[in-house]
Amino acid sequence: MRQWVTALGLLAATTAHALPGDEIYAKPGRRVDIGGRALNLYCTGHGSPTVVLEAGLGGRASAWAEVQPALAKSVRVCGYDRAGYAFSDPDSQPRTSGRIAADLYAVLRNAKERGPFVLIGATFGTFDLRLFAARHLASVAGMLLVNPSPEDEELQPASPTVERIDRNGLDHAIYCRDAARRGELKRDWHGCVPAENPNYSTALNAARSRMLRRPEIWSALVSEWQNIRDSAAEVKAARTRFPFPVVILSADREQSSDGNDIDKKALHEAWLHWIAWQDAMKTLSVDCLVMRAQTDSRTLETSNPTLVVDAARRLISALRGHKRLAP
C-alpha cells in the first residue's frame, strides 16, 4: 500500500500506549549544525553498535518513543527529526531520499557519533537508509527494515483506486500546510491538529499541538510525498546486495477496507503485490532474515514496538556473536 495512511497517522499520533519519560521528545535534544541548517538529535544509552532510527513518511523522532528507551538499555541509540519536522530546521530543497540520506550522514558525522551503525527504519524511511547504506557501506553494520516501502510500488502504475486514495492523502496534507501558512490551524481543524491524547504527557501533548500548527512540518511532509517517485528511482538505481545482515519485519495480514467491490478488489490486488515485494526484499543482503508480524499494522514501531525491539535485539546479538541471521 502507498504512504498516505502511515504519513497522516504518524503526524497525528506517536504511540498508542502511555509512556513514562516521553517528555524527552517535547523539547529539543541536541541541535547539530550540518552546514547552515540544524537537525535535532536524541542520543541515549551506551554500548556498541550504535543504533540509528529513521521514521516513516511524516514521522518524527517521537515515532520511536517506545523502541528507543528499550534498546538504550544495552546499546547507544540515536533518533532524529528530519528537516522541517519538530525541532529540526526546514530545507529549501526537494526532500528526496537522496537529500535525506545526505542529511543523516552529516548529522552523525558532525555529532561525532561512531559507526558502524545498525540502521532501523520504517516504511518510507527505509528508502533513506538503503541509500545511506549504499553510499556509506563501511558505516553500516546491519539494518532492520520495518514494513519497508518497495521502490517498485511507487514506480509501477497503480490502480485508479490506489491513485485516488494516495492523492486524497496528499491533498489533505497540502490543505493543512496552506491553512498553517494562513495561521488558521486550530485544535481538531479538519484532522490537521487532533485533540490531546490522554496517553501522552502534558508536555508532549502541548508540544505536538504547537508543532502541527507550524507550516514547516506540513511543508516537509508534502515535499517528501510529492518527490516520493524520485526517491524510489534513487533507491532503485543504487540497489545492491549488502554485505551485512538485514532483517525485514513486515505485517502479514491484509488491512480491512470499506467501499465498493471495485475498490476492495483493487486494494486486495495492491496487498498481494506488496506481500510479493516484501518477500523479494530478501535479495537485499547476503544474510537476510524475513520476519512476519501477526498483524495488519503498517506502523509497527508505534502499534507493536515490542516486535521491533525483539527483531533489533536479534540482529544485534547476531552481530556481536559474529553469527548468521538466516538459518
C-alpha atoms as a PDB file:
ATOM      1  CA  MET A   1       0.000   0.000   0.000  1.00  0.00           C
ATOM      2  CA  ARG A   2       1.219   3.521  -0.604  1.00  0.00           C
ATOM      3  CA  GLN A   3       2.182   6.046   2.002  1.00  0.00           C
ATOM      4  CA  TRP A   4      -0.894   8.049   2.935  1.00  0.00           C
ATOM      5  CA  VAL A   5      -2.157   6.078   5.948  1.00  0.00           C
ATOM      6  CA  THR A   6       1.163   5.921   7.750  1.00  0.00           C
ATOM      7  CA  ALA A   7       2.050   9.522   6.952  1.00  0.00           C
ATOM      8  CA  LEU A   8      -1.066  11.120   8.407  1.00  0.00           C
ATOM      9  CA  GLY A   9      -1.163   8.611  11.242  1.00  0.00           C
ATOM     10  CA  LEU A  10       2.370   9.420  12.361  1.00  0.00           C
ATOM     11  CA  LEU A  11       1.747  13.148  12.234  1.00  0.00           C
ATOM     12  CA  ALA A  12      -1.424  12.805  14.281  1.00  0.00           C
ATOM     13  CA  ALA A  13      -0.157  10.287  16.813  1.00  0.00           C
ATOM     14  CA  THR A  14       3.058   8.968  18.237  1.00  0.00           C
ATOM     15  CA  THR A  15       2.080   5.838  20.136  1.00  0.00           C
ATOM     16  CA  ALA A  16      -0.947   4.032  21.480  1.00  0.00           C
ATOM     17  CA  HIS A  17       0.477   3.482  24.958  1.00  0.00           C
ATOM     18  CA  ALA A  18       1.200   5.656  27.973  1.00  0.00           C
ATOM     19  CA  LEU A  19       4.923   6.332  28.031  1.00  0.00           C
ATOM     20  CA  PRO A  20       6.803   7.391  31.142  1.00  0.00           C
ATOM     21  CA  GLY A  21       9.536   9.807  30.117  1.00  0.00           C
ATOM     22  CA  ASP A  22       8.065  10.771  26.761  1.00  0.00           C
ATOM     23  CA  GLU A  23       8.797  14.388  27.721  1.00  0.00           C
ATOM     24  CA  ILE A  24      12.213  13.972  26.072  1.00  0.00           C
ATOM     25  CA  TYR A  25      10.507  14.473  22.706  1.00  0.00           C
ATOM     26  CA  ALA A  26       8.657  17.604  23.867  1.00  0.00           C
ATOM     27  CA  LYS A  27      11.829  19.697  23.699  1.00  0.00           C
ATOM     28  CA  PRO A  28      14.962  19.766  21.575  1.00  0.00           C
ATOM     29  CA  GLY A  29      17.643  17.215  22.250  1.00  0.00           C
ATOM     30  CA  ARG A  30      20.902  18.259  20.621  1.00  0.00           C
ATOM     31  CA  ARG A  31      20.627  20.523  17.585  1.00  0.00           C
ATOM     32  CA  VAL A  32      23.530  19.696  15.285  1.00  0.00           C
ATOM     33  CA  ASP A  33      24.653  22.086  12.566  1.00  0.00           C
ATOM     34  CA  ILE A  34      25.009  20.394   9.175  1.00  0.00           C
ATOM     35  CA  GLY A  35      26.003  23.493   7.203  1.00  0.00           C
ATOM     36  CA  GLY A  36      23.580  26.367   7.529  1.00  0.00           C
ATOM     37  CA  ARG A  37      20.814  24.179   8.959  1.00  0.00           C
ATOM     38  CA  ALA A  38      20.487  22.277  12.226  1.00  0.00           C
ATOM     39  CA  LEU A  39      18.892  18.889  12.789  1.00  0.00           C
ATOM     40  CA  ASN A  40      17.586  17.776  16.169  1.00  0.00           C
ATOM     41  CA  LEU A  41      19.229  14.617  17.508  1.00  0.00           C
ATOM     42  CA  TYR A  42      18.309  12.467  20.528  1.00  0.00           C
ATOM     43  CA  CYS A  43      21.025  10.015  21.576  1.00  0.00           C
ATOM     44  CA  THR A  44      20.560   7.865  24.676  1.00  0.00           C
ATOM     45  CA  GLY A  45      22.180   4.810  26.219  1.00  0.00           C
ATOM     46  CA  HIS A  46      25.632   3.301  25.952  1.00  0.00           C
ATOM     47  CA  GLY A  47      27.085   0.313  24.185  1.00  0.00           C
ATOM     48  CA  SER A  48      28.078  -0.817  20.731  1.00  0.00           C
ATOM     49  CA  PRO A  49      26.900  -0.931  17.995  1.00  0.00           C
ATOM     50  CA  THR A  50      25.114   2.422  17.937  1.00  0.00           C
ATOM     51  CA  VAL A  51      21.568   2.164  16.592  1.00  0.00           C
ATOM     52  CA  VAL A  52      20.197   4.896  14.308  1.00  0.00           C
ATOM     53  CA  LEU A  53      16.420   5.317  13.922  1.00  0.00           C
ATOM     54  CA  GLU A  54      14.692   6.671  10.795  1.00  0.00           C
ATOM     55  CA  ALA A  55      10.949   7.380  10.943  1.00  0.00           C
ATOM     56  CA  GLY A  56       8.455   6.789   8.155  1.00  0.00           C
ATOM     57  CA  LEU A  57       6.824   9.426   5.962  1.00  0.00           C
ATOM     58  CA  GLY A  58       5.550  12.223   8.173  1.00  0.00           C
ATOM     59  CA  GLY A  59       7.312  10.791  11.212  1.00  0.00           C
ATOM     60  CA  ARG A  60       9.451  12.380  13.881  1.00  0.00           C
ATOM     61  CA  ALA A  61      11.911  11.016  16.399  1.00  0.00           C
ATOM     62  CA  SER A  62       8.980  10.511  18.767  1.00  0.00           C
ATOM     63  CA  ALA A  63       7.666   7.761  16.487  1.00  0.00           C
ATOM     64  CA  TRP A  64      10.248   5.563  18.256  1.00  0.00           C
ATOM     65  CA  ALA A  65       9.206   6.618  21.772  1.00  0.00           C
ATOM     66  CA  GLU A  66       8.918   3.013  22.984  1.00  0.00           C
ATOM     67  CA  VAL A  67      11.631   1.482  20.836  1.00  0.00           C
ATOM     68  CA  GLN A  68      14.436   3.892  21.726  1.00  0.00           C
ATOM     69  CA  PRO A  69      14.358   3.549  25.540  1.00  0.00           C
ATOM     70  CA  ALA A  70      14.025  -0.231  25.341  1.00  0.00           C
ATOM     71  CA  LEU A  71      17.084  -0.576  23.111  1.00  0.00           C
ATOM     72  CA  ALA A  72      19.021   2.087  25.031  1.00  0.00           C
ATOM     73  CA  LYS A  73      19.231  -0.290  27.991  1.00  0.00           C
ATOM     74  CA  SER A  74      22.041  -2.136  26.210  1.00  0.00           C
ATOM     75  CA  VAL A  75      23.273   0.000  23.287  1.00  0.00           C
ATOM     76  CA  ARG A  76      23.551   3.636  22.262  1.00  0.00           C
ATOM     77  CA  VAL A  77      20.516   4.750  20.246  1.00  0.00           C
ATOM     78  CA  CYS A  78      20.112   7.900  18.172  1.00  0.00           C
ATOM     79  CA  GLY A  79      16.846   9.171  16.755  1.00  0.00           C
ATOM     80  CA  TYR A  80      16.360  12.465  14.990  1.00  0.00           C
ATOM     81  CA  ASP A  81      13.795  14.801  13.460  1.00  0.00           C
ATOM     82  CA  ARG A  82      14.155  15.080   9.703  1.00  0.00           C
ATOM     83  CA  ALA A  83      14.393  18.559   8.202  1.00  0.00           C
ATOM     84  CA  GLY A  84      11.243  20.569   8.841  1.00  0.00           C
ATOM     85  CA  TYR A  85       9.846  18.256  11.497  1.00  0.00           C
ATOM     86  CA  ALA A  86       9.574  19.034  15.201  1.00  0.00           C
ATOM     87  CA  PHE A  87      12.792  20.775  16.279  1.00  0.00           C
ATOM     88  CA  SER A  88      14.822  20.494  13.060  1.00  0.00           C
ATOM     89  CA  ASP A  89      15.263  23.375  10.633  1.00  0.00           C
ATOM     90  CA  PRO A  90      13.457  23.175   7.286  1.00  0.00           C
ATOM     91  CA  ASP A  91      15.232  22.562   3.982  1.00  0.00           C
ATOM     92  CA  SER A  92      14.566  24.665   0.894  1.00  0.00           C
ATOM     93  CA  GLN A  93      15.478  21.798  -1.454  1.00  0.00           C
ATOM     94  CA  PRO A  94      13.111  18.993  -2.573  1.00  0.00           C
ATOM     95  CA  ARG A  95      13.014  16.320   0.120  1.00  0.00           C
ATOM     96  CA  THR A  96      14.099  13.240  -1.754  1.00  0.00           C
ATOM     97  CA  SER A  97      15.632  10.217  -0.046  1.00  0.00           C
ATOM     98  CA  GLY A  98      18.985  11.166  -1.544  1.00  0.00           C
ATOM     99  CA  ARG A  99      18.819  14.525   0.208  1.00  0.00           C
ATOM    100  CA  ILE A 100      17.634  12.915   3.453  1.00  0.00           C
ATOM    101  CA  ALA A 101      20.425  10.310   3.383  1.00  0.00           C
ATOM    102  CA  ALA A 102      22.966  13.108   2.956  1.00  0.00           C
ATOM    103  CA  ASP A 103      21.460  14.937   5.943  1.00  0.00           C
ATOM    104  CA  LEU A 104      21.650  11.800   8.067  1.00  0.00           C
ATOM    105  CA  TYR A 105      25.292  11.240   7.223  1.00  0.00           C
ATOM    106  CA  ALA A 106      26.077  14.875   8.011  1.00  0.00           C
ATOM    107  CA  VAL A 107      24.308  14.915  11.374  1.00  0.00           C
ATOM    108  CA  LEU A 108      26.003  11.703  12.547  1.00  0.00           C
ATOM    109  CA  ARG A 109      29.412  12.917  11.361  1.00  0.00           C
ATOM    110  CA  ASN A 110      29.076  16.374  12.887  1.00  0.00           C
ATOM    111  CA  ALA A 111      27.742  14.927  16.145  1.00  0.00           C
ATOM    112  CA  LYS A 112      30.814  12.687  16.182  1.00  0.00           C
ATOM    113  CA  GLU A 113      28.742   9.528  16.546  1.00  0.00           C
ATOM    114  CA  ARG A 114      30.823   6.462  15.781  1.00  0.00           C
ATOM    115  CA  GLY A 115      29.846   3.672  13.433  1.00  0.00           C
ATOM    116  CA  PRO A 116      29.472   1.223  12.013  1.00  0.00           C
ATOM    117  CA  PHE A 117      25.792   1.698  12.798  1.00  0.00           C
ATOM    118  CA  VAL A 118      22.768  -0.544  12.997  1.00  0.00           C
ATOM    119  CA  LEU A 119      20.138   1.263  10.933  1.00  0.00           C
ATOM    120  CA  ILE A 120      16.455   0.804  11.812  1.00  0.00           C
ATOM    121  CA  GLY A 121      13.829   2.410   9.623  1.00  0.00           C
ATOM    122  CA  ALA A 122      10.113   2.187   8.910  1.00  0.00           C
ATOM    123  CA  THR A 123       8.140   2.428   5.645  1.00  0.00           C
ATOM    124  CA  PHE A 124       9.346   5.445   3.625  1.00  0.00           C
ATOM    125  CA  GLY A 125      12.305   5.847   5.976  1.00  0.00           C
ATOM    126  CA  THR A 126      13.729   2.575   4.662  1.00  0.00           C
ATOM    127  CA  PHE A 127      14.356   4.349   1.327  1.00  0.00           C
ATOM    128  CA  ASP A 128      16.572   6.833   3.161  1.00  0.00           C
ATOM    129  CA  LEU A 129      18.506   4.104   4.980  1.00  0.00           C
ATOM    130  CA  ARG A 130      19.044   1.969   1.897  1.00  0.00           C
ATOM    131  CA  LEU A 131      20.564   4.961   0.118  1.00  0.00           C
ATOM    132  CA  PHE A 132      22.664   5.823   3.175  1.00  0.00           C
ATOM    133  CA  ALA A 133      23.958   2.248   3.263  1.00  0.00           C
ATOM    134  CA  ALA A 134      24.669   2.110  -0.474  1.00  0.00           C
ATOM    135  CA  ARG A 135      26.710   5.308  -0.215  1.00  0.00           C
ATOM    136  CA  HIS A 136      28.490   4.512   3.063  1.00  0.00           C
ATOM    137  CA  LEU A 137      28.912   0.734   3.255  1.00  0.00           C
ATOM    138  CA  ALA A 138      31.737   0.945   5.782  1.00  0.00           C
ATOM    139  CA  SER A 139      29.484   2.927   8.142  1.00  0.00           C
ATOM    140  CA  VAL A 140      26.823   0.215   8.401  1.00  0.00           C
ATOM    141  CA  ALA A 141      26.953  -2.969  10.487  1.00  0.00           C
ATOM    142  CA  GLY A 142      23.387  -4.126   9.787  1.00  0.00           C
ATOM    143  CA  MET A 143      19.840  -2.983   9.034  1.00  0.00           C
ATOM    144  CA  LEU A 144      16.319  -3.637  10.281  1.00  0.00           C
ATOM    145  CA  LEU A 145      13.648  -2.550   7.802  1.00  0.00           C
ATOM    146  CA  VAL A 146      10.130  -2.357   9.264  1.00  0.00           C
ATOM    147  CA  ASN A 147       7.332  -2.661   6.694  1.00  0.00           C
ATOM    148  CA  PRO A 148       9.815  -1.411   4.091  1.00  0.00           C
ATOM    149  CA  SER A 149       8.481   0.564   1.156  1.00  0.00           C
ATOM    150  CA  PRO A 150       9.245  -1.277  -2.103  1.00  0.00           C
ATOM    151  CA  GLU A 151      10.600   1.043  -4.775  1.00  0.00           C
ATOM    152  CA  ASP A 152       8.515  -0.661  -7.459  1.00  0.00           C
ATOM    153  CA  GLU A 153       5.347   0.162  -5.535  1.00  0.00           C
ATOM    154  CA  GLU A 154       5.968   3.817  -6.328  1.00  0.00           C
ATOM    155  CA  LEU A 155       7.438   3.358  -9.804  1.00  0.00           C
ATOM    156  CA  GLN A 156       4.889   0.990 -11.319  1.00  0.00           C
ATOM    157  CA  PRO A 157       1.396   2.161 -12.326  1.00  0.00           C
ATOM    158  CA  ALA A 158      -1.222   1.708  -9.620  1.00  0.00           C
ATOM    159  CA  SER A 159      -4.954   1.144  -9.962  1.00  0.00           C
ATOM    160  CA  PRO A 160      -7.242   4.196 -10.139  1.00  0.00           C
ATOM    161  CA  THR A 161      -8.451   3.312  -6.632  1.00  0.00           C
ATOM    162  CA  VAL A 162      -4.982   3.363  -5.099  1.00  0.00           C
ATOM    163  CA  GLU A 163      -4.026   6.513  -7.004  1.00  0.00           C
ATOM    164  CA  ARG A 164      -7.186   8.251  -5.764  1.00  0.00           C
ATOM    165  CA  ILE A 165      -6.573   7.285  -2.141  1.00  0.00           C
ATOM    166  CA  ASP A 166      -2.965   8.404  -2.388  1.00  0.00           C
ATOM    167  CA  ARG A 167      -3.974  11.696  -3.976  1.00  0.00           C
ATOM    168  CA  ASN A 168      -6.601  12.331  -1.294  1.00  0.00           C
ATOM    169  CA  GLY A 169      -3.962  11.914   1.395  1.00  0.00           C
ATOM    170  CA  LEU A 170      -1.566  14.294  -0.314  1.00  0.00           C
ATOM    171  CA  ASP A 171      -4.333  16.834  -0.911  1.00  0.00           C
ATOM    172  CA  HIS A 172      -5.158  16.751   2.799  1.00  0.00           C
ATOM    173  CA  ALA A 173      -1.522  17.417   3.710  1.00  0.00           C
ATOM    174  CA  ILE A 174      -1.456  20.347   1.260  1.00  0.00           C
ATOM    175  CA  TYR A 175      -4.672  21.678   2.801  1.00  0.00           C
ATOM    176  CA  CYS A 176      -3.134  21.540   6.292  1.00  0.00           C
ATOM    177  CA  ARG A 177       0.065  23.210   5.064  1.00  0.00           C
ATOM    178  CA  ASP A 178      -1.818  26.061   3.426  1.00  0.00           C
ATOM    179  CA  ALA A 179      -4.067  26.551   6.466  1.00  0.00           C
ATOM    180  CA  ALA A 180      -0.973  26.645   8.698  1.00  0.00           C
ATOM    181  CA  ARG A 181       0.594  29.273   6.466  1.00  0.00           C
ATOM    182  CA  ARG A 182      -2.525  31.400   6.922  1.00  0.00           C
ATOM    183  CA  GLY A 183      -2.395  30.888  10.688  1.00  0.00           C
ATOM    184  CA  GLU A 184      -5.772  29.154  10.688  1.00  0.00           C
ATOM    185  CA  LEU A 185      -4.941  25.786  12.255  1.00  0.00           C
ATOM    186  CA  LYS A 186      -6.814  25.160  15.474  1.00  0.00           C
ATOM    187  CA  ARG A 187      -7.407  22.045  17.540  1.00  0.00           C
ATOM    188  CA  ASP A 188      -9.455  19.427  15.661  1.00  0.00           C
ATOM    189  CA  TRP A 189      -9.105  21.516  12.493  1.00  0.00           C
ATOM    190  CA  HIS A 190     -10.189  19.049   9.781  1.00  0.00           C
ATOM    191  CA  GLY A 191      -7.845  16.367  11.095  1.00  0.00           C
ATOM    192  CA  CYS A 192      -4.762  18.574  10.922  1.00  0.00           C
ATOM    193  CA  VAL A 193      -4.416  19.243  14.662  1.00  0.00           C
ATOM    194  CA  PRO A 194      -6.005  16.469  16.735  1.00  0.00           C
ATOM    195  CA  ALA A 195      -7.272  16.736  20.281  1.00  0.00           C
ATOM    196  CA  GLU A 196      -4.987  15.874  23.190  1.00  0.00           C
ATOM    197  CA  ASN A 197      -4.062  12.217  23.511  1.00  0.00           C
ATOM    198  CA  PRO A 198      -4.693  11.015  27.089  1.00  0.00           C
ATOM    199  CA  ASN A 199      -1.795   8.583  26.799  1.00  0.00           C
ATOM    200  CA  TYR A 200       0.742  11.378  26.308  1.00  0.00           C
ATOM    201  CA  SER A 201       2.339  13.542  28.938  1.00  0.00           C
ATOM    202  CA  THR A 202       1.072  17.084  29.227  1.00  0.00           C
ATOM    203  CA  ALA A 203       4.396  18.307  27.837  1.00  0.00           C
ATOM    204  CA  LEU A 204       4.262  16.111  24.731  1.00  0.00           C
ATOM    205  CA  ASN A 205       0.620  16.978  24.041  1.00  0.00           C
ATOM    206  CA  ALA A 206       1.428  20.674  24.211  1.00  0.00           C
ATOM    207  CA  ALA A 207       4.494  20.299  22.006  1.00  0.00           C
ATOM    208  CA  ARG A 208       2.614  18.222  19.432  1.00  0.00           C
ATOM    209  CA  SER A 209      -0.147  20.820  19.225  1.00  0.00           C
ATOM    210  CA  ARG A 210       2.387  23.579  18.630  1.00  0.00           C
ATOM    211  CA  MET A 211       4.290  21.544  16.029  1.00  0.00           C
ATOM    212  CA  LEU A 212       1.219  20.706  13.966  1.00  0.00           C
ATOM    213  CA  ARG A 213       0.279  24.370  13.720  1.00  0.00           C
ATOM    214  CA  ARG A 214       3.595  25.176  12.044  1.00  0.00           C
ATOM    215  CA  PRO A 215       3.636  25.202   8.232  1.00  0.00           C
ATOM    216  CA  GLU A 216       7.189  23.781   8.181  1.00  0.00           C
ATOM    217  CA  ILE A 217       6.106  20.331   9.322  1.00  0.00           C
ATOM    218  CA  TRP A 218       3.373  20.132   6.674  1.00  0.00           C
ATOM    219  CA  SER A 219       5.709  21.525   4.010  1.00  0.00           C
ATOM    220  CA  ALA A 220       8.228  18.798   4.821  1.00  0.00           C
ATOM    221  CA  LEU A 221       5.560  16.113   4.545  1.00  0.00           C
ATOM    222  CA  VAL A 222       4.224  17.499   1.268  1.00  0.00           C
ATOM    223  CA  SER A 223       7.719  17.719  -0.231  1.00  0.00           C
ATOM    224  CA  GLU A 224       8.616  14.144   0.763  1.00  0.00           C
ATOM    225  CA  TRP A 225       5.299  12.935  -0.627  1.00  0.00           C
ATOM    226  CA  GLN A 226       5.467  14.856  -3.903  1.00  0.00           C
ATOM    227  CA  ASN A 227       9.007  13.624  -4.532  1.00  0.00           C
ATOM    228  CA  ILE A 228       8.458  10.024  -3.490  1.00  0.00           C
ATOM    229  CA  ARG A 229       8.766   8.637  -7.009  1.00  0.00           C
ATOM    230  CA  ASP A 230      12.101  10.404  -7.389  1.00  0.00           C
ATOM    231  CA  SER A 231      13.138   8.846  -4.076  1.00  0.00           C
ATOM    232  CA  ALA A 232      12.092   5.411  -5.315  1.00  0.00           C
ATOM    233  CA  ALA A 233      14.069   5.914  -8.514  1.00  0.00           C
ATOM    234  CA  GLU A 234      17.145   6.879  -6.479  1.00  0.00           C
ATOM    235  CA  VAL A 235      16.823   3.726  -4.403  1.00  0.00           C
ATOM    236  CA  LYS A 236      16.326   1.512  -7.445  1.00  0.00           C
ATOM    237  CA  ALA A 237      19.365   2.983  -9.200  1.00  0.00           C
ATOM    238  CA  ALA A 238      21.528   2.385  -6.119  1.00  0.00           C
ATOM    239  CA  ARG A 239      20.193  -1.090  -5.336  1.00  0.00           C
ATOM    240  CA  THR A 240      22.925  -3.501  -4.383  1.00  0.00           C
ATOM    241  CA  ARG A 241      23.350  -6.693  -2.372  1.00  0.00           C
ATOM    242  CA  PHE A 242      24.583  -5.576   1.001  1.00  0.00           C
ATOM    243  CA  PRO A 243      27.462  -7.484   2.642  1.00  0.00           C
ATOM    244  CA  PHE A 244      25.999  -7.006   6.129  1.00  0.00           C
ATOM    245  CA  PRO A 245      22.951  -8.710   7.730  1.00  0.00           C
ATOM    246  CA  VAL A 246      19.480  -7.316   7.081  1.00  0.00           C
ATOM    247  CA  VAL A 247      16.196  -8.097   8.861  1.00  0.00           C
ATOM    248  CA  ILE A 248      12.870  -7.454   7.123  1.00  0.00           C
ATOM    249  CA  LEU A 249       9.941  -7.173   9.552  1.00  0.00           C
ATOM    250  CA  SER A 250       6.566  -6.973   7.803  1.00  0.00           C
ATOM    251  CA  ALA A 251       2.882  -7.269   8.623  1.00  0.00           C
ATOM    252  CA  ASP A 252       1.374 -10.483   7.295  1.00  0.00           C
ATOM    253  CA  ARG A 253      -2.313  -9.543   7.356  1.00  0.00           C
ATOM    254  CA  GLU A 254      -4.327  -7.504   4.917  1.00  0.00           C
ATOM    255  CA  GLN A 255      -5.889  -4.317   6.193  1.00  0.00           C
ATOM    256  CA  SER A 256      -9.673  -4.209   6.046  1.00  0.00           C
ATOM    257  CA  SER A 257     -11.187  -1.730   3.625  1.00  0.00           C
ATOM    258  CA  ASP A 258     -14.527  -0.071   3.074  1.00  0.00           C
ATOM    259  CA  GLY A 259     -16.034   0.974  -0.219  1.00  0.00           C
ATOM    260  CA  ASN A 260     -17.470  -0.751  -3.236  1.00  0.00           C
ATOM    261  CA  ASP A 261     -16.427  -4.100  -4.644  1.00  0.00           C
ATOM    262  CA  ILE A 262     -14.209  -2.495  -7.291  1.00  0.00           C
ATOM    263  CA  ASP A 263     -12.247  -0.592  -4.645  1.00  0.00           C
ATOM    264  CA  LYS A 264     -11.957  -3.644  -2.406  1.00  0.00           C
ATOM    265  CA  LYS A 265     -10.655  -5.729  -5.300  1.00  0.00           C
ATOM    266  CA  ALA A 266      -8.101  -3.078  -6.234  1.00  0.00           C
ATOM    267  CA  LEU A 267      -6.856  -2.795  -2.650  1.00  0.00           C
ATOM    268  CA  HIS A 268      -6.645  -6.577  -2.353  1.00  0.00           C
ATOM    269  CA  GLU A 269      -4.551  -6.750  -5.506  1.00  0.00           C
ATOM    270  CA  ALA A 270      -2.314  -3.977  -4.156  1.00  0.00           C
ATOM    271  CA  TRP A 271      -1.876  -6.005  -0.966  1.00  0.00           C
ATOM    272  CA  LEU A 272      -0.835  -9.113  -2.932  1.00  0.00           C
ATOM    273  CA  HIS A 273       1.767  -7.056  -4.795  1.00  0.00           C
ATOM    274  CA  TRP A 274       3.022  -5.585  -1.514  1.00  0.00           C
ATOM    275  CA  ILE A 275       3.482  -9.030   0.039  1.00  0.00           C
ATOM    276  CA  ALA A 276       5.370 -10.246  -3.017  1.00  0.00           C
ATOM    277  CA  TRP A 277       7.621  -7.204  -2.870  1.00  0.00           C
ATOM    278  CA  GLN A 278       8.287  -7.822   0.826  1.00  0.00           C
ATOM    279  CA  ASP A 279       9.407 -11.366   0.022  1.00  0.00           C
ATOM    280  CA  ALA A 280      11.632 -10.056  -2.763  1.00  0.00           C
ATOM    281  CA  MET A 281      13.468  -7.894  -0.232  1.00  0.00           C
ATOM    282  CA  LYS A 282      15.409 -10.974   0.890  1.00  0.00           C
ATOM    283  CA  THR A 283      17.757 -10.375  -2.043  1.00  0.00           C
ATOM    284  CA  LEU A 284      18.967  -7.144  -0.427  1.00  0.00           C
ATOM    285  CA  SER A 285      21.652  -8.912   1.582  1.00  0.00           C
ATOM    286  CA  VAL A 286      23.921 -11.939   1.610  1.00  0.00           C
ATOM    287  CA  ASP A 287      22.380 -12.646   5.036  1.00  0.00           C
ATOM    288  CA  CYS A 288      18.735 -11.602   5.128  1.00  0.00           C
ATOM    289  CA  LEU A 289      16.045 -12.729   7.538  1.00  0.00           C
ATOM    290  CA  VAL A 290      12.389 -12.057   6.649  1.00  0.00           C
ATOM    291  CA  MET A 291      10.098 -11.965   9.691  1.00  0.00           C
ATOM    292  CA  ARG A 292       6.306 -11.801   9.597  1.00  0.00           C
ATOM    293  CA  ALA A 293       4.311  -9.949  12.266  1.00  0.00           C
ATOM    294  CA  GLN A 294       0.864 -11.387  13.033  1.00  0.00           C
ATOM    295  CA  THR A 295      -0.866  -8.048  12.456  1.00  0.00           C
ATOM    296  CA  ASP A 296      -2.168  -5.754   9.723  1.00  0.00           C
ATOM    297  CA  SER A 297      -0.409  -2.681  11.153  1.00  0.00           C
ATOM    298  CA  ARG A 298       1.829  -0.625   8.876  1.00  0.00           C
ATOM    299  CA  THR A 299       3.217   1.290  11.849  1.00  0.00           C
ATOM    300  CA  LEU A 300       4.733  -1.484  13.945  1.00  0.00           C
ATOM    301  CA  GLU A 301       7.116   0.945  15.634  1.00  0.00           C
ATOM    302  CA  THR A 302       4.103   2.512  17.398  1.00  0.00           C
ATOM    303  CA  SER A 303       1.471  -0.247  17.434  1.00  0.00           C
ATOM    304  CA  ASN A 304       3.752  -3.227  18.171  1.00  0.00           C
ATOM    305  CA  PRO A 305       7.049  -1.791  19.425  1.00  0.00           C
ATOM    306  CA  THR A 306       7.984  -4.996  21.251  1.00  0.00           C
ATOM    307  CA  LEU A 307       8.176  -6.812  17.908  1.00  0.00           C
ATOM    308  CA  VAL A 308      10.558  -4.174  16.602  1.00  0.00           C
ATOM    309  CA  VAL A 309      12.696  -4.281  19.748  1.00  0.00           C
ATOM    310  CA  ASP A 310      12.893  -8.086  19.639  1.00  0.00           C
ATOM    311  CA  ALA A 311      13.908  -8.050  15.966  1.00  0.00           C
ATOM    312  CA  ALA A 312      16.547  -5.400  16.668  1.00  0.00           C
ATOM    313  CA  ARG A 313      17.968  -7.390  19.567  1.00  0.00           C
ATOM    314  CA  ARG A 314      18.148 -10.482  17.388  1.00  0.00           C
ATOM    315  CA  LEU A 315      20.143  -8.522  14.808  1.00  0.00           C
ATOM    316  CA  ILE A 316      22.453  -7.001  17.428  1.00  0.00           C
ATOM    317  CA  SER A 317      23.029 -10.409  19.035  1.00  0.00           C
ATOM    318  CA  ALA A 318      23.999 -11.901  15.668  1.00  0.00           C
ATOM    319  CA  LEU A 319      26.430  -9.049  15.035  1.00  0.00           C
ATOM    320  CA  ARG A 320      28.034  -9.349  18.452  1.00  0.00           C
ATOM    321  CA  GLY A 321      28.340 -13.110  18.126  1.00  0.00           C
ATOM    322  CA  HIS A 322      29.535 -12.961  14.521  1.00  0.00           C
ATOM    323  CA  LYS A 323      26.728 -15.321  13.562  1.00  0.00           C
ATOM    324  CA  ARG A 324      24.460 -15.509  10.550  1.00  0.00           C
ATOM    325  CA  LEU A 325      20.859 -14.380  10.849  1.00  0.00           C
ATOM    326  CA  ALA A 326      19.295 -16.632   8.269  1.00  0.00           C
ATOM    327  CA  PRO A 327      19.073 -20.346   9.057  1.00  0.00           C
END
